[in-house]
Amino acid sequence: MSRHYTFFFAVGLAVVGLIGSAEAVDVAALYSQRGTDPTFGEIMKRNGLPRGSNSSGGYKGSTIRVSGDLVTSGPNERRKIPSAIKLHTLANSAIRRSDFEKWTRWYQEDGNTQVFRLFEGEENVRNTRKLAARVESFSELSWKKGAWHEWVGTYTIIKPHGAAIFQAKNNENDWSVQINMGDNGDIRLNHRRGTDKVMARNMVGKPFHIRVRDNGHDYEVYLNGVKQGEGSYARPSGVTSFRWGMYVGGNEMRHDAMIFVTGAGIDPKDYKPELAVEKQAPSKPPEPADPDPSPDGLQIPERAWTNADGQKIRAAGVYQAGSKVIHLQVDGEWIDYPLDKLSEDDRQALMQALDFEG
């Protein structure tokens, strides 16, 4: 057995994620705010929201205005917000469109962009369910197993917080697939049955296009025009509909959160998938005329690596004994990655490979 083969199996196989851009985005340039918002504690102290029932009074908030072309450009920019939708907030589960303006603390519209907000410490108050803060719009269109239906829209994360930002939701059999946002702006495909996948990293302030197809049993998920996954989930009763916004579930709201959704469409006739790829999907750079030569040291074939935070990447590697970095080949280029940022298992396996070579 060669030393490369030994090293590869010393750590084992892992699920491969994506590398996101580390480029910072000034989210403050993407919106303006007029007015301020009281804390959730202040609202409840004033009896601003009743507990134990759906409130009809709503609650007004500061005004958010979307700024710049970055948020509003792309394949969904011209599409108007659907009229046949309702709203679910922490104080009412089925708000009619004619009443949306009463709930501007959590939901607003600016042109073709929907603004979803949640605030630190908020929780569900309409019934006895603990935590479960949310603000989601959902389609009045619903379906059983049969014909395919489709949702498209462009997301921009302004203030990230761990939450589901999209659900294909059945009213009796729960969700089949979700798209989740992390505190760091990572975007994850969350199958009810199957292995989850990080679709993109560090997406705060960087618009991305989502497309989801569902037929009441099977589904497909696309990011920036590229298929990311598919699956099935039996829903023998009830009906399925699309939901988008933010839903925190059984977790605390640890800080404020805000996202934009531009040009949401349900079974749109004007959607052109190829535009999502051309305008947003990052293209792989052409191969250089003179490939970047590999560094000197122990050559490690392409494999899955895990860092100390559990994030994963597939890459070839080169390591020189005694160095504080390991060289990883990403998209044809060699980068230096700190050795102490690797998982303990990867570091131990690396040392074993060096011993074997020696």
Protein backbone atom coordinates (compact mmCIF):
# COMPACT_ATOMS: atom_id res chain seq x y z
CA MET A 1 0.00 0.00 0.00
CA SER A 2 1.45 3.41 -1.01
CA ARG A 3 1.84 6.20 1.54
CA HIS A 4 -0.78 8.27 -0.41
CA TYR A 5 -3.36 5.49 -0.11
CA THR A 6 -2.59 5.07 3.60
CA PHE A 7 -3.06 8.79 4.26
CA PHE A 8 -6.34 8.98 2.37
CA PHE A 9 -8.00 6.26 4.41
CA ALA A 10 -6.46 7.35 7.72
CA VAL A 11 -9.07 10.12 7.90
CA GLY A 12 -11.95 8.70 5.87
CA LEU A 13 -14.42 10.13 3.42
CA ALA A 14 -16.41 13.29 4.13
CA VAL A 15 -19.16 15.37 2.53
CA VAL A 16 -17.68 18.12 0.40
CA GLY A 17 -18.91 21.71 0.80
CA LEU A 18 -18.24 24.91 -1.12
CA ILE A 19 -15.69 27.65 -0.57
CA GLY A 20 -17.29 31.07 -0.36
CA SER A 21 -15.72 34.38 -1.13
CA ALA A 22 -14.09 36.16 1.79
CA GLU A 23 -14.72 39.49 0.07
CA ALA A 24 -16.51 41.88 2.43
CA VAL A 25 -19.73 43.63 1.39
CA ASP A 26 -20.96 46.90 2.89
CA VAL A 27 -24.58 45.96 3.63
CA ALA A 28 -25.27 49.46 4.97
CA ALA A 29 -25.15 50.66 1.35
CA LEU A 30 -27.97 48.28 0.38
CA TYR A 31 -30.75 49.93 2.38
CA SER A 32 -31.81 52.96 4.39
CA GLN A 33 -33.95 53.11 7.53
CA ARG A 34 -36.30 55.80 8.74
CA GLY A 35 -37.34 55.59 12.37
CA THR A 36 -36.46 53.17 15.18
CA ASP A 37 -37.98 50.02 16.63
CA PRO A 38 -38.72 49.22 20.29
CA THR A 39 -37.40 46.01 21.76
CA PHE A 40 -39.68 42.99 21.97
CA GLY A 41 -39.63 43.31 25.76
CA GLU A 42 -40.86 46.90 25.53
CA ILE A 43 -43.69 45.89 23.19
CA MET A 44 -44.90 43.13 25.50
CA LYS A 45 -44.60 45.36 28.57
CA ARG A 46 -46.98 47.80 26.89
CA ASN A 47 -49.34 44.91 26.01
CA GLY A 48 -48.63 45.63 22.37
CA LEU A 49 -49.28 42.02 21.35
CA PRO A 50 -51.86 39.73 22.99
CA ARG A 51 -50.75 36.24 24.04
CA GLY A 52 -52.68 33.09 23.22
CA SER A 53 -54.52 34.13 20.05
CA ASN A 54 -54.05 35.54 16.55
CA SER A 55 -53.77 39.30 16.80
CA SER A 56 -55.57 41.45 14.23
CA GLY A 57 -54.07 44.77 15.28
CA GLY A 58 -50.59 44.22 13.91
CA TYR A 59 -47.60 46.34 14.89
CA LYS A 60 -45.92 49.12 12.91
CA GLY A 61 -42.16 49.47 12.53
CA SER A 62 -39.47 51.69 11.11
CA THR A 63 -39.40 52.07 7.33
CA ILE A 64 -36.81 50.19 5.25
CA ARG A 65 -35.95 51.32 1.73
CA VAL A 66 -33.86 49.19 -0.62
CA SER A 67 -30.87 50.98 -2.18
CA GLY A 68 -28.78 50.36 -5.29
CA ASP A 69 -28.96 48.02 -8.26
CA LEU A 70 -27.12 45.18 -6.56
CA VAL A 71 -30.23 43.97 -4.73
CA THR A 72 -32.74 44.57 -7.49
CA SER A 73 -30.83 43.30 -10.54
CA GLY A 74 -30.86 39.82 -12.00
CA PRO A 75 -33.28 37.37 -13.64
CA ASN A 76 -36.10 38.21 -11.20
CA GLU A 77 -35.77 42.01 -11.09
CA ARG A 78 -38.87 42.88 -13.15
CA ARG A 79 -41.28 40.46 -11.50
CA LYS A 80 -43.87 41.95 -9.19
CA ILE A 81 -44.51 40.46 -5.75
CA PRO A 82 -47.32 37.86 -6.00
CA SER A 83 -50.74 39.06 -4.94
CA ALA A 84 -52.07 35.62 -3.90
CA ILE A 85 -49.96 35.30 -0.74
CA LYS A 86 -50.54 35.52 3.00
CA LEU A 87 -48.24 36.33 5.90
CA HIS A 88 -47.31 34.35 9.03
CA THR A 89 -45.74 36.32 11.89
CA LEU A 90 -45.12 35.50 15.53
CA ALA A 91 -48.54 37.02 16.37
CA ASN A 92 -50.77 35.81 13.52
CA SER A 93 -50.53 32.76 11.26
CA ALA A 94 -52.67 33.84 8.29
CA ILE A 95 -52.61 37.57 7.61
CA ARG A 96 -54.47 38.63 4.48
CA ARG A 97 -52.68 40.75 1.90
CA SER A 98 -54.98 43.69 2.54
CA ASP A 99 -53.70 43.78 6.14
CA PHE A 100 -49.96 43.54 5.41
CA GLU A 101 -49.45 47.26 6.08
CA LYS A 102 -50.42 46.73 9.73
CA TRP A 103 -47.38 44.46 10.26
CA THR A 104 -44.47 46.60 9.08
CA ARG A 105 -42.33 45.77 12.10
CA TRP A 106 -41.76 42.37 10.49
CA TYR A 107 -42.74 42.72 6.83
CA GLN A 108 -42.54 45.46 4.20
CA GLU A 109 -42.43 45.82 0.42
CA ASP A 110 -40.32 48.21 -1.61
CA GLY A 111 -40.91 47.91 -5.33
CA ASN A 112 -40.43 44.25 -6.24
CA THR A 113 -38.50 43.47 -3.03
CA GLN A 114 -39.94 41.94 0.13
CA VAL A 115 -38.29 42.94 3.42
CA PHE A 116 -38.39 40.37 6.23
CA ARG A 117 -37.24 41.30 9.77
CA LEU A 118 -37.03 39.63 13.16
CA PHE A 119 -35.67 41.19 16.35
CA GLU A 120 -33.60 40.02 19.30
CA GLY A 121 -35.61 38.17 21.96
CA GLU A 122 -38.76 37.71 19.86
CA GLU A 123 -40.84 34.56 20.12
CA ASN A 124 -44.18 33.16 19.09
CA VAL A 125 -47.08 34.66 21.09
CA ARG A 126 -50.17 33.50 19.22
CA ASN A 127 -50.27 30.13 21.01
CA THR A 128 -48.33 28.20 23.67
CA ARG A 129 -45.52 27.00 21.38
CA LYS A 130 -42.15 28.06 22.79
CA LEU A 131 -39.74 30.27 20.83
CA ALA A 132 -40.59 29.72 17.09
CA ALA A 133 -40.14 33.34 15.98
CA ARG A 134 -40.99 33.77 12.31
CA VAL A 135 -42.01 36.06 9.50
CA GLU A 136 -42.89 34.16 6.32
CA SER A 137 -45.04 34.82 3.29
CA PHE A 138 -46.72 31.78 1.79
CA SER A 139 -48.54 30.94 -1.41
CA GLU A 140 -52.29 30.58 -1.44
CA LEU A 141 -51.70 28.07 -4.22
CA SER A 142 -51.39 24.55 -2.76
CA TRP A 143 -51.28 21.10 -4.30
CA LYS A 144 -51.31 17.35 -3.76
CA LYS A 145 -49.03 14.80 -5.47
CA GLY A 146 -49.17 15.31 -9.21
CA ALA A 147 -48.23 18.29 -11.35
CA TRP A 148 -44.98 20.19 -10.79
CA HIS A 149 -45.02 23.70 -9.31
CA GLU A 150 -42.13 26.13 -9.13
CA TRP A 151 -40.88 28.99 -6.96
CA VAL A 152 -38.14 31.47 -7.94
CA GLY A 153 -36.67 34.55 -6.29
CA THR A 154 -33.49 36.45 -5.47
CA TYR A 155 -32.33 36.56 -1.83
CA THR A 156 -30.06 39.16 -0.26
CA ILE A 157 -28.98 38.59 3.34
CA ILE A 158 -28.58 41.87 5.25
CA LYS A 159 -28.44 40.73 8.90
CA PRO A 160 -27.91 36.95 9.09
CA HIS A 161 -29.33 34.69 11.79
CA GLY A 162 -29.74 30.93 11.87
CA ALA A 163 -33.14 30.28 10.27
CA ALA A 164 -35.04 28.50 7.52
CA ILE A 165 -35.50 30.99 4.69
CA PHE A 166 -37.52 28.71 2.38
CA GLN A 167 -39.82 25.72 2.95
CA ALA A 168 -41.89 23.43 0.76
CA LYS A 169 -44.48 22.97 3.51
CA ASN A 170 -47.28 20.44 3.80
CA ASN A 171 -50.03 21.37 6.25
CA GLU A 172 -50.28 17.82 7.66
CA ASN A 173 -46.91 16.18 6.92
CA ASP A 174 -44.61 19.15 7.61
CA TRP A 175 -41.82 20.33 5.28
CA SER A 176 -40.12 18.17 2.67
CA VAL A 177 -37.16 20.45 1.92
CA GLN A 178 -35.81 23.66 3.44
CA ILE A 179 -33.15 26.19 2.56
CA ASN A 180 -31.40 27.39 5.70
CA MET A 181 -29.30 30.46 6.51
CA GLY A 182 -26.46 30.38 9.05
CA ASP A 183 -25.27 33.12 11.37
CA ASN A 184 -22.29 33.62 9.05
CA GLY A 185 -24.38 33.85 5.88
CA ASP A 186 -23.82 30.26 4.74
CA ILE A 187 -26.69 28.77 2.71
CA ARG A 188 -27.57 25.11 3.31
CA LEU A 189 -29.86 22.71 1.48
CA ASN A 190 -31.76 20.83 4.21
CA HIS A 191 -33.45 17.59 3.08
CA ARG A 192 -36.00 16.03 5.41
CA ARG A 193 -34.66 12.70 4.19
CA GLY A 194 -31.02 12.65 3.10
CA THR A 195 -27.70 14.42 3.61
CA ASP A 196 -27.64 18.20 3.91
CA LYS A 197 -25.38 20.30 1.68
CA VAL A 198 -23.77 23.71 2.09
CA MET A 199 -24.58 25.38 -1.23
CA ALA A 200 -22.72 28.66 -0.66
CA ARG A 201 -20.67 30.37 2.05
CA ASN A 202 -20.40 33.93 3.34
CA MET A 203 -23.33 35.27 1.34
CA VAL A 204 -24.09 38.36 3.46
CA GLY A 205 -24.83 41.23 1.07
CA LYS A 206 -24.37 39.04 -2.02
CA PRO A 207 -27.63 38.38 -3.91
CA PHE A 208 -28.27 34.80 -4.99
CA HIS A 209 -31.04 33.24 -7.04
CA ILE A 210 -33.12 30.31 -5.80
CA ARG A 211 -35.39 28.03 -7.79
CA VAL A 212 -37.38 25.18 -6.21
CA ARG A 213 -39.63 22.70 -8.05
CA ASP A 214 -42.07 20.42 -6.21
CA ASN A 215 -44.84 18.01 -7.25
CA GLY A 216 -46.19 17.03 -3.85
CA HIS A 217 -43.75 14.11 -3.58
CA ASP A 218 -40.51 14.95 -5.42
CA TYR A 219 -38.53 18.19 -5.43
CA GLU A 220 -35.50 19.87 -7.00
CA VAL A 221 -33.43 22.82 -5.73
CA TYR A 222 -31.29 25.21 -7.82
CA LEU A 223 -28.88 27.96 -6.78
CA ASN A 224 -27.85 30.53 -9.39
CA GLY A 225 -29.22 28.31 -12.15
CA VAL A 226 -27.22 25.24 -11.08
CA LYS A 227 -29.01 22.19 -9.68
CA GLN A 228 -27.89 21.57 -6.10
CA GLY A 229 -30.01 18.61 -5.08
CA GLU A 230 -33.24 16.67 -5.34
CA GLY A 231 -35.24 14.26 -3.23
CA SER A 232 -38.59 12.79 -2.31
CA TYR A 233 -40.77 12.95 0.77
CA ALA A 234 -44.10 11.13 0.97
CA ARG A 235 -47.02 13.40 1.82
CA PRO A 236 -50.03 11.05 1.79
CA SER A 237 -52.44 13.66 3.12
CA GLY A 238 -52.81 17.41 3.23
CA VAL A 239 -51.53 19.92 0.67
CA THR A 240 -48.14 21.52 -0.03
CA SER A 241 -47.37 25.20 -0.58
CA PHE A 242 -44.27 27.42 -0.77
CA ARG A 243 -43.13 29.54 2.21
CA TRP A 244 -40.29 32.07 2.26
CA GLY A 245 -38.96 34.55 4.80
CA MET A 246 -37.39 33.57 8.14
CA TYR A 247 -38.40 30.82 10.57
CA VAL A 248 -36.20 30.21 13.62
CA GLY A 249 -37.95 27.11 15.02
CA GLY A 250 -37.01 26.01 18.52
CA ASN A 251 -34.13 28.47 18.86
CA GLU A 252 -33.79 31.85 20.55
CA MET A 253 -33.58 35.06 18.57
CA ARG A 254 -30.08 36.07 19.71
CA HIS A 255 -29.86 39.24 17.63
CA ASP A 256 -31.74 41.18 14.95
CA ALA A 257 -32.14 39.66 11.49
CA MET A 258 -33.14 40.99 8.07
CA ILE A 259 -33.28 39.57 4.56
CA PHE A 260 -34.60 40.80 1.21
CA VAL A 261 -36.38 38.69 -1.42
CA THR A 262 -36.68 40.25 -4.87
CA GLY A 263 -39.01 39.12 -7.67
CA ALA A 264 -40.53 36.10 -5.93
CA GLY A 265 -42.58 34.12 -8.42
CA ILE A 266 -44.90 31.11 -8.23
CA ASP A 267 -45.14 29.17 -11.48
CA PRO A 268 -43.78 32.23 -13.35
CA LYS A 269 -44.04 32.20 -17.12
CA ASP A 270 -41.24 34.72 -17.56
CA TYR A 271 -38.42 32.91 -15.71
CA LYS A 272 -35.36 32.09 -17.80
CA PRO A 273 -32.96 29.77 -15.92
CA GLU A 274 -30.05 30.63 -18.20
CA LEU A 275 -30.09 34.24 -17.00
CA ALA A 276 -29.47 33.13 -13.41
CA VAL A 277 -26.32 31.33 -14.53
CA GLU A 278 -25.03 34.13 -16.74
CA LYS A 279 -25.54 36.90 -14.20
CA GLN A 280 -24.76 35.27 -10.89
CA ALA A 281 -23.14 31.85 -11.05
CA PRO A 282 -19.37 32.21 -10.67
CA SER A 283 -17.56 30.86 -13.70
CA LYS A 284 -14.44 28.78 -13.39
CA PRO A 285 -11.41 30.73 -14.65
CA PRO A 286 -9.68 29.37 -17.75
CA GLU A 287 -6.71 27.12 -17.25
CA PRO A 288 -3.48 29.16 -17.15
CA ALA A 289 -0.98 28.66 -19.91
CA ASP A 290 1.62 27.66 -17.32
CA PRO A 291 -0.03 25.69 -14.51
CA ASP A 292 0.92 26.70 -11.00
CA PRO A 293 3.72 24.25 -10.07
CA SER A 294 3.14 22.19 -6.96
CA PRO A 295 5.24 23.04 -3.89
CA ASP A 296 7.91 20.70 -2.61
CA GLY A 297 7.02 18.23 0.11
CA LEU A 298 4.80 15.23 0.81
CA GLN A 299 2.35 14.95 -2.11
CA ILE A 300 -1.24 14.14 -1.05
CA PRO A 301 -3.80 13.22 -3.73
CA GLU A 302 -7.12 15.06 -3.86
CA ARG A 303 -9.26 14.19 -0.84
CA ALA A 304 -11.74 15.62 1.65
CA TRP A 305 -10.30 17.91 4.36
CA THR A 306 -12.08 19.08 7.52
CA ASN A 307 -11.18 22.20 9.49
CA ALA A 308 -11.53 22.77 13.24
CA ASP A 309 -15.07 24.15 12.76
CA GLY A 310 -16.26 21.08 10.88
CA GLN A 311 -16.28 22.76 7.45
CA LYS A 312 -15.12 20.58 4.57
CA ILE A 313 -13.37 20.98 1.23
CA ARG A 314 -11.94 18.61 -1.40
CA ALA A 315 -8.43 19.43 -2.59
CA ALA A 316 -5.00 17.99 -3.27
CA GLY A 317 -2.31 18.88 -0.73
CA VAL A 318 1.42 19.22 -0.16
CA TYR A 319 3.07 19.37 3.25
CA GLN A 320 6.68 20.06 4.25
CA ALA A 321 7.79 18.63 7.59
CA GLY A 322 7.96 21.31 10.28
CA SER A 323 5.88 23.86 8.37
CA LYS A 324 3.00 25.68 10.07
CA VAL A 325 0.92 25.62 6.88
CA ILE A 326 -0.27 22.98 4.44
CA HIS A 327 -0.54 23.79 0.73
CA LEU A 328 -4.00 23.05 -0.76
CA GLN A 329 -4.79 23.20 -4.47
CA VAL A 330 -8.11 25.02 -5.02
CA ASP A 331 -9.37 25.73 -8.56
CA GLY A 332 -5.89 25.10 -9.95
CA GLU A 333 -4.09 27.43 -7.53
CA TRP A 334 -2.05 26.57 -4.45
CA ILE A 335 -3.06 28.32 -1.24
CA ASP A 336 -1.43 28.19 2.20
CA TYR A 337 -3.76 26.96 4.94
CA PRO A 338 -2.73 27.17 8.64
CA LEU A 339 -2.04 23.74 10.03
CA ASP A 340 -3.64 24.59 13.37
CA LYS A 341 -6.94 25.31 11.57
CA LEU A 342 -7.27 21.69 10.44
CA SER A 343 -9.28 19.21 12.49
CA GLU A 344 -7.37 17.18 15.06
CA ASP A 345 -8.00 13.99 13.06
CA ASP A 346 -6.53 15.52 9.90
CA ARG A 347 -3.43 16.77 11.73
CA GLN A 348 -2.80 13.38 13.34
CA ALA A 349 -3.22 11.60 10.02
CA LEU A 350 -0.78 14.04 8.42
CA MET A 351 1.85 13.28 11.05
CA GLN A 352 1.30 9.53 10.53
CA ALA A 353 1.87 9.99 6.79
CA LEU A 354 5.15 11.82 7.47
CA ASP A 355 6.31 9.03 9.78
CA PHE A 356 5.46 6.47 7.12
CA GLU A 357 7.40 8.38 4.48
CA GLY A 358 10.41 8.70 6.73
